[in-house]
Each structure stands twice: as structure tokens, then as C-alpha cells.
Amino acid sequence: MIHQIKGTVMGINKERNIEANMQIGPTDLGMVRIFIEADGIEIPMDFDPEEADEIAEEIKAAALAARAVKK
């Protein structure tokens, strides 16, 4: 997925020097929240537990692929 931000094309391989904080945890409504804060912008993303499991699997697969690239 590519996003256009302030005239700059963003993609998965485009490096940016932006510091951000990320927190992941359960909500009191039984959802899993990924909360990202950067430059005064807060992005809360809520997922049901099954979606969170799928995201975790995608992250593990990406980590495995990244390790293969580094070899």
C-alpha cells in the first residue's frame, strides 16, 4: 500500500526519520489496541482478537522474510 503525504510518495521500502511511540494492549471492551503517537498525532487502532492474531502472524512472516534478506 502506498500513501501520499504532503506530496511525498510513501511505501514499505521508503525510509523516514520519524520517531514514534507504539503501545499494544487489550482494551476494557475485549479488543486489542495498537496505539501510535508521533509528532502530536495519536492513532488508536482497535482489532478483535482474531484480527490481532492474523496481524501477529503477518508480523512474524515479515520478520522471517527480513531475516532472509539480511543473510
C-alpha atoms as a PDB file:
ATOM      1  CA  MET A   1       0.000   0.000   0.000  1.00  0.00           C
ATOM      2  CA  ILE A   2       1.313   3.446  -0.923  1.00  0.00           C
ATOM      3  CA  HIS A   3       0.166   6.622   0.814  1.00  0.00           C
ATOM      4  CA  GLN A   4       0.621  10.197  -0.365  1.00  0.00           C
ATOM      5  CA  ILE A   5       1.594  12.532   2.478  1.00  0.00           C
ATOM      6  CA  LYS A   6       2.381  16.202   1.796  1.00  0.00           C
ATOM      7  CA  GLY A   7       3.424  15.481  -1.801  1.00  0.00           C
ATOM      8  CA  THR A   8       5.754  12.617  -0.861  1.00  0.00           C
ATOM      9  CA  VAL A   9       5.059   9.086  -2.018  1.00  0.00           C
ATOM     10  CA  MET A  10       5.319   6.699   0.923  1.00  0.00           C
ATOM     11  CA  GLY A  11       5.834   2.975   0.571  1.00  0.00           C
ATOM     12  CA  ILE A  12       7.015  -0.029   2.520  1.00  0.00           C
ATOM     13  CA  ASN A  13      10.630   0.447   1.355  1.00  0.00           C
ATOM     14  CA  LYS A  14      10.801   4.236   1.835  1.00  0.00           C
ATOM     15  CA  GLU A  15      12.810   5.096   4.946  1.00  0.00           C
ATOM     16  CA  ARG A  16      11.711   8.038   7.085  1.00  0.00           C
ATOM     17  CA  ASN A  17      13.346   9.582  10.119  1.00  0.00           C
ATOM     18  CA  ILE A  18      10.225   9.915  12.275  1.00  0.00           C
ATOM     19  CA  GLU A  19      10.200   8.985  15.934  1.00  0.00           C
ATOM     20  CA  ALA A  20       7.011   7.337  17.135  1.00  0.00           C
ATOM     21  CA  ASN A  21       5.810   5.533  20.215  1.00  0.00           C
ATOM     22  CA  MET A  22       3.777   2.363  19.862  1.00  0.00           C
ATOM     23  CA  GLN A  23       1.792   0.604  22.561  1.00  0.00           C
ATOM     24  CA  ILE A  24      -0.102  -2.657  22.167  1.00  0.00           C
ATOM     25  CA  GLY A  25      -2.553  -3.996  24.709  1.00  0.00           C
ATOM     26  CA  PRO A  26      -6.074  -5.140  25.498  1.00  0.00           C
ATOM     27  CA  THR A  27      -8.917  -2.662  25.911  1.00  0.00           C
ATOM     28  CA  ASP A  28     -11.635  -2.866  28.533  1.00  0.00           C
ATOM     29  CA  LEU A  29     -14.041  -3.828  25.719  1.00  0.00           C
ATOM     30  CA  GLY A  30     -12.146  -7.004  24.786  1.00  0.00           C
ATOM     31  CA  MET A  31     -10.370  -5.559  21.768  1.00  0.00           C
ATOM     32  CA  VAL A  32      -6.647  -5.380  21.043  1.00  0.00           C
ATOM     33  CA  ARG A  33      -5.433  -1.824  20.551  1.00  0.00           C
ATOM     34  CA  ILE A  34      -2.350  -0.718  18.679  1.00  0.00           C
ATOM     35  CA  PHE A  35      -1.765   2.892  19.698  1.00  0.00           C
ATOM     36  CA  ILE A  36       0.753   5.009  17.792  1.00  0.00           C
ATOM     37  CA  GLU A  37       1.776   8.548  18.739  1.00  0.00           C
ATOM     38  CA  ALA A  38       4.115  10.730  16.692  1.00  0.00           C
ATOM     39  CA  ASP A  39       4.535  14.486  16.387  1.00  0.00           C
ATOM     40  CA  GLY A  40       1.420  15.142  18.454  1.00  0.00           C
ATOM     41  CA  ILE A  41      -0.741  12.826  16.346  1.00  0.00           C
ATOM     42  CA  GLU A  42      -2.386   9.869  18.072  1.00  0.00           C
ATOM     43  CA  ILE A  43      -3.638   6.870  16.097  1.00  0.00           C
ATOM     44  CA  PRO A  44      -5.617   4.253  18.040  1.00  0.00           C
ATOM     45  CA  MET A  45      -6.396   1.101  16.044  1.00  0.00           C
ATOM     46  CA  ASP A  46      -8.696  -1.494  17.600  1.00  0.00           C
ATOM     47  CA  PHE A  47      -8.920  -5.097  16.407  1.00  0.00           C
ATOM     48  CA  ASP A  48     -10.905  -8.063  17.580  1.00  0.00           C
ATOM     49  CA  PRO A  49      -8.696 -10.855  18.969  1.00  0.00           C
ATOM     50  CA  GLU A  50      -8.912 -12.917  15.762  1.00  0.00           C
ATOM     51  CA  GLU A  51      -7.753  -9.960  13.654  1.00  0.00           C
ATOM     52  CA  ALA A  52      -4.931  -9.349  16.137  1.00  0.00           C
ATOM     53  CA  ASP A  53      -3.831 -12.985  15.744  1.00  0.00           C
ATOM     54  CA  GLU A  54      -3.750 -12.519  11.949  1.00  0.00           C
ATOM     55  CA  ILE A  55      -1.691  -9.336  12.307  1.00  0.00           C
ATOM     56  CA  ALA A  56       0.731 -11.146  14.633  1.00  0.00           C
ATOM     57  CA  GLU A  57       1.143 -13.914  12.043  1.00  0.00           C
ATOM     58  CA  GLU A  58       1.826 -11.317   9.322  1.00  0.00           C
ATOM     59  CA  ILE A  59       4.443  -9.632  11.521  1.00  0.00           C
ATOM     60  CA  LYS A  60       6.147 -12.990  12.184  1.00  0.00           C
ATOM     61  CA  ALA A  61       6.144 -13.815   8.456  1.00  0.00           C
ATOM     62  CA  ALA A  62       7.619 -10.391   7.648  1.00  0.00           C
ATOM     63  CA  ALA A  63      10.331 -10.864  10.297  1.00  0.00           C
ATOM     64  CA  LEU A  64      11.214 -14.243   8.794  1.00  0.00           C
ATOM     65  CA  ALA A  65      11.402 -12.723   5.297  1.00  0.00           C
ATOM     66  CA  ALA A  66      13.506  -9.806   6.577  1.00  0.00           C
ATOM     67  CA  ARG A  67      15.979 -12.232   8.148  1.00  0.00           C
ATOM     68  CA  ALA A  68      16.319 -13.987   4.793  1.00  0.00           C
ATOM     69  CA  VAL A  69      17.117 -10.669   3.079  1.00  0.00           C
ATOM     70  CA  LYS A  70      19.852  -9.840   5.609  1.00  0.00           C
ATOM     71  CA  LYS A  71      21.763 -13.112   5.011  1.00  0.00           C
END
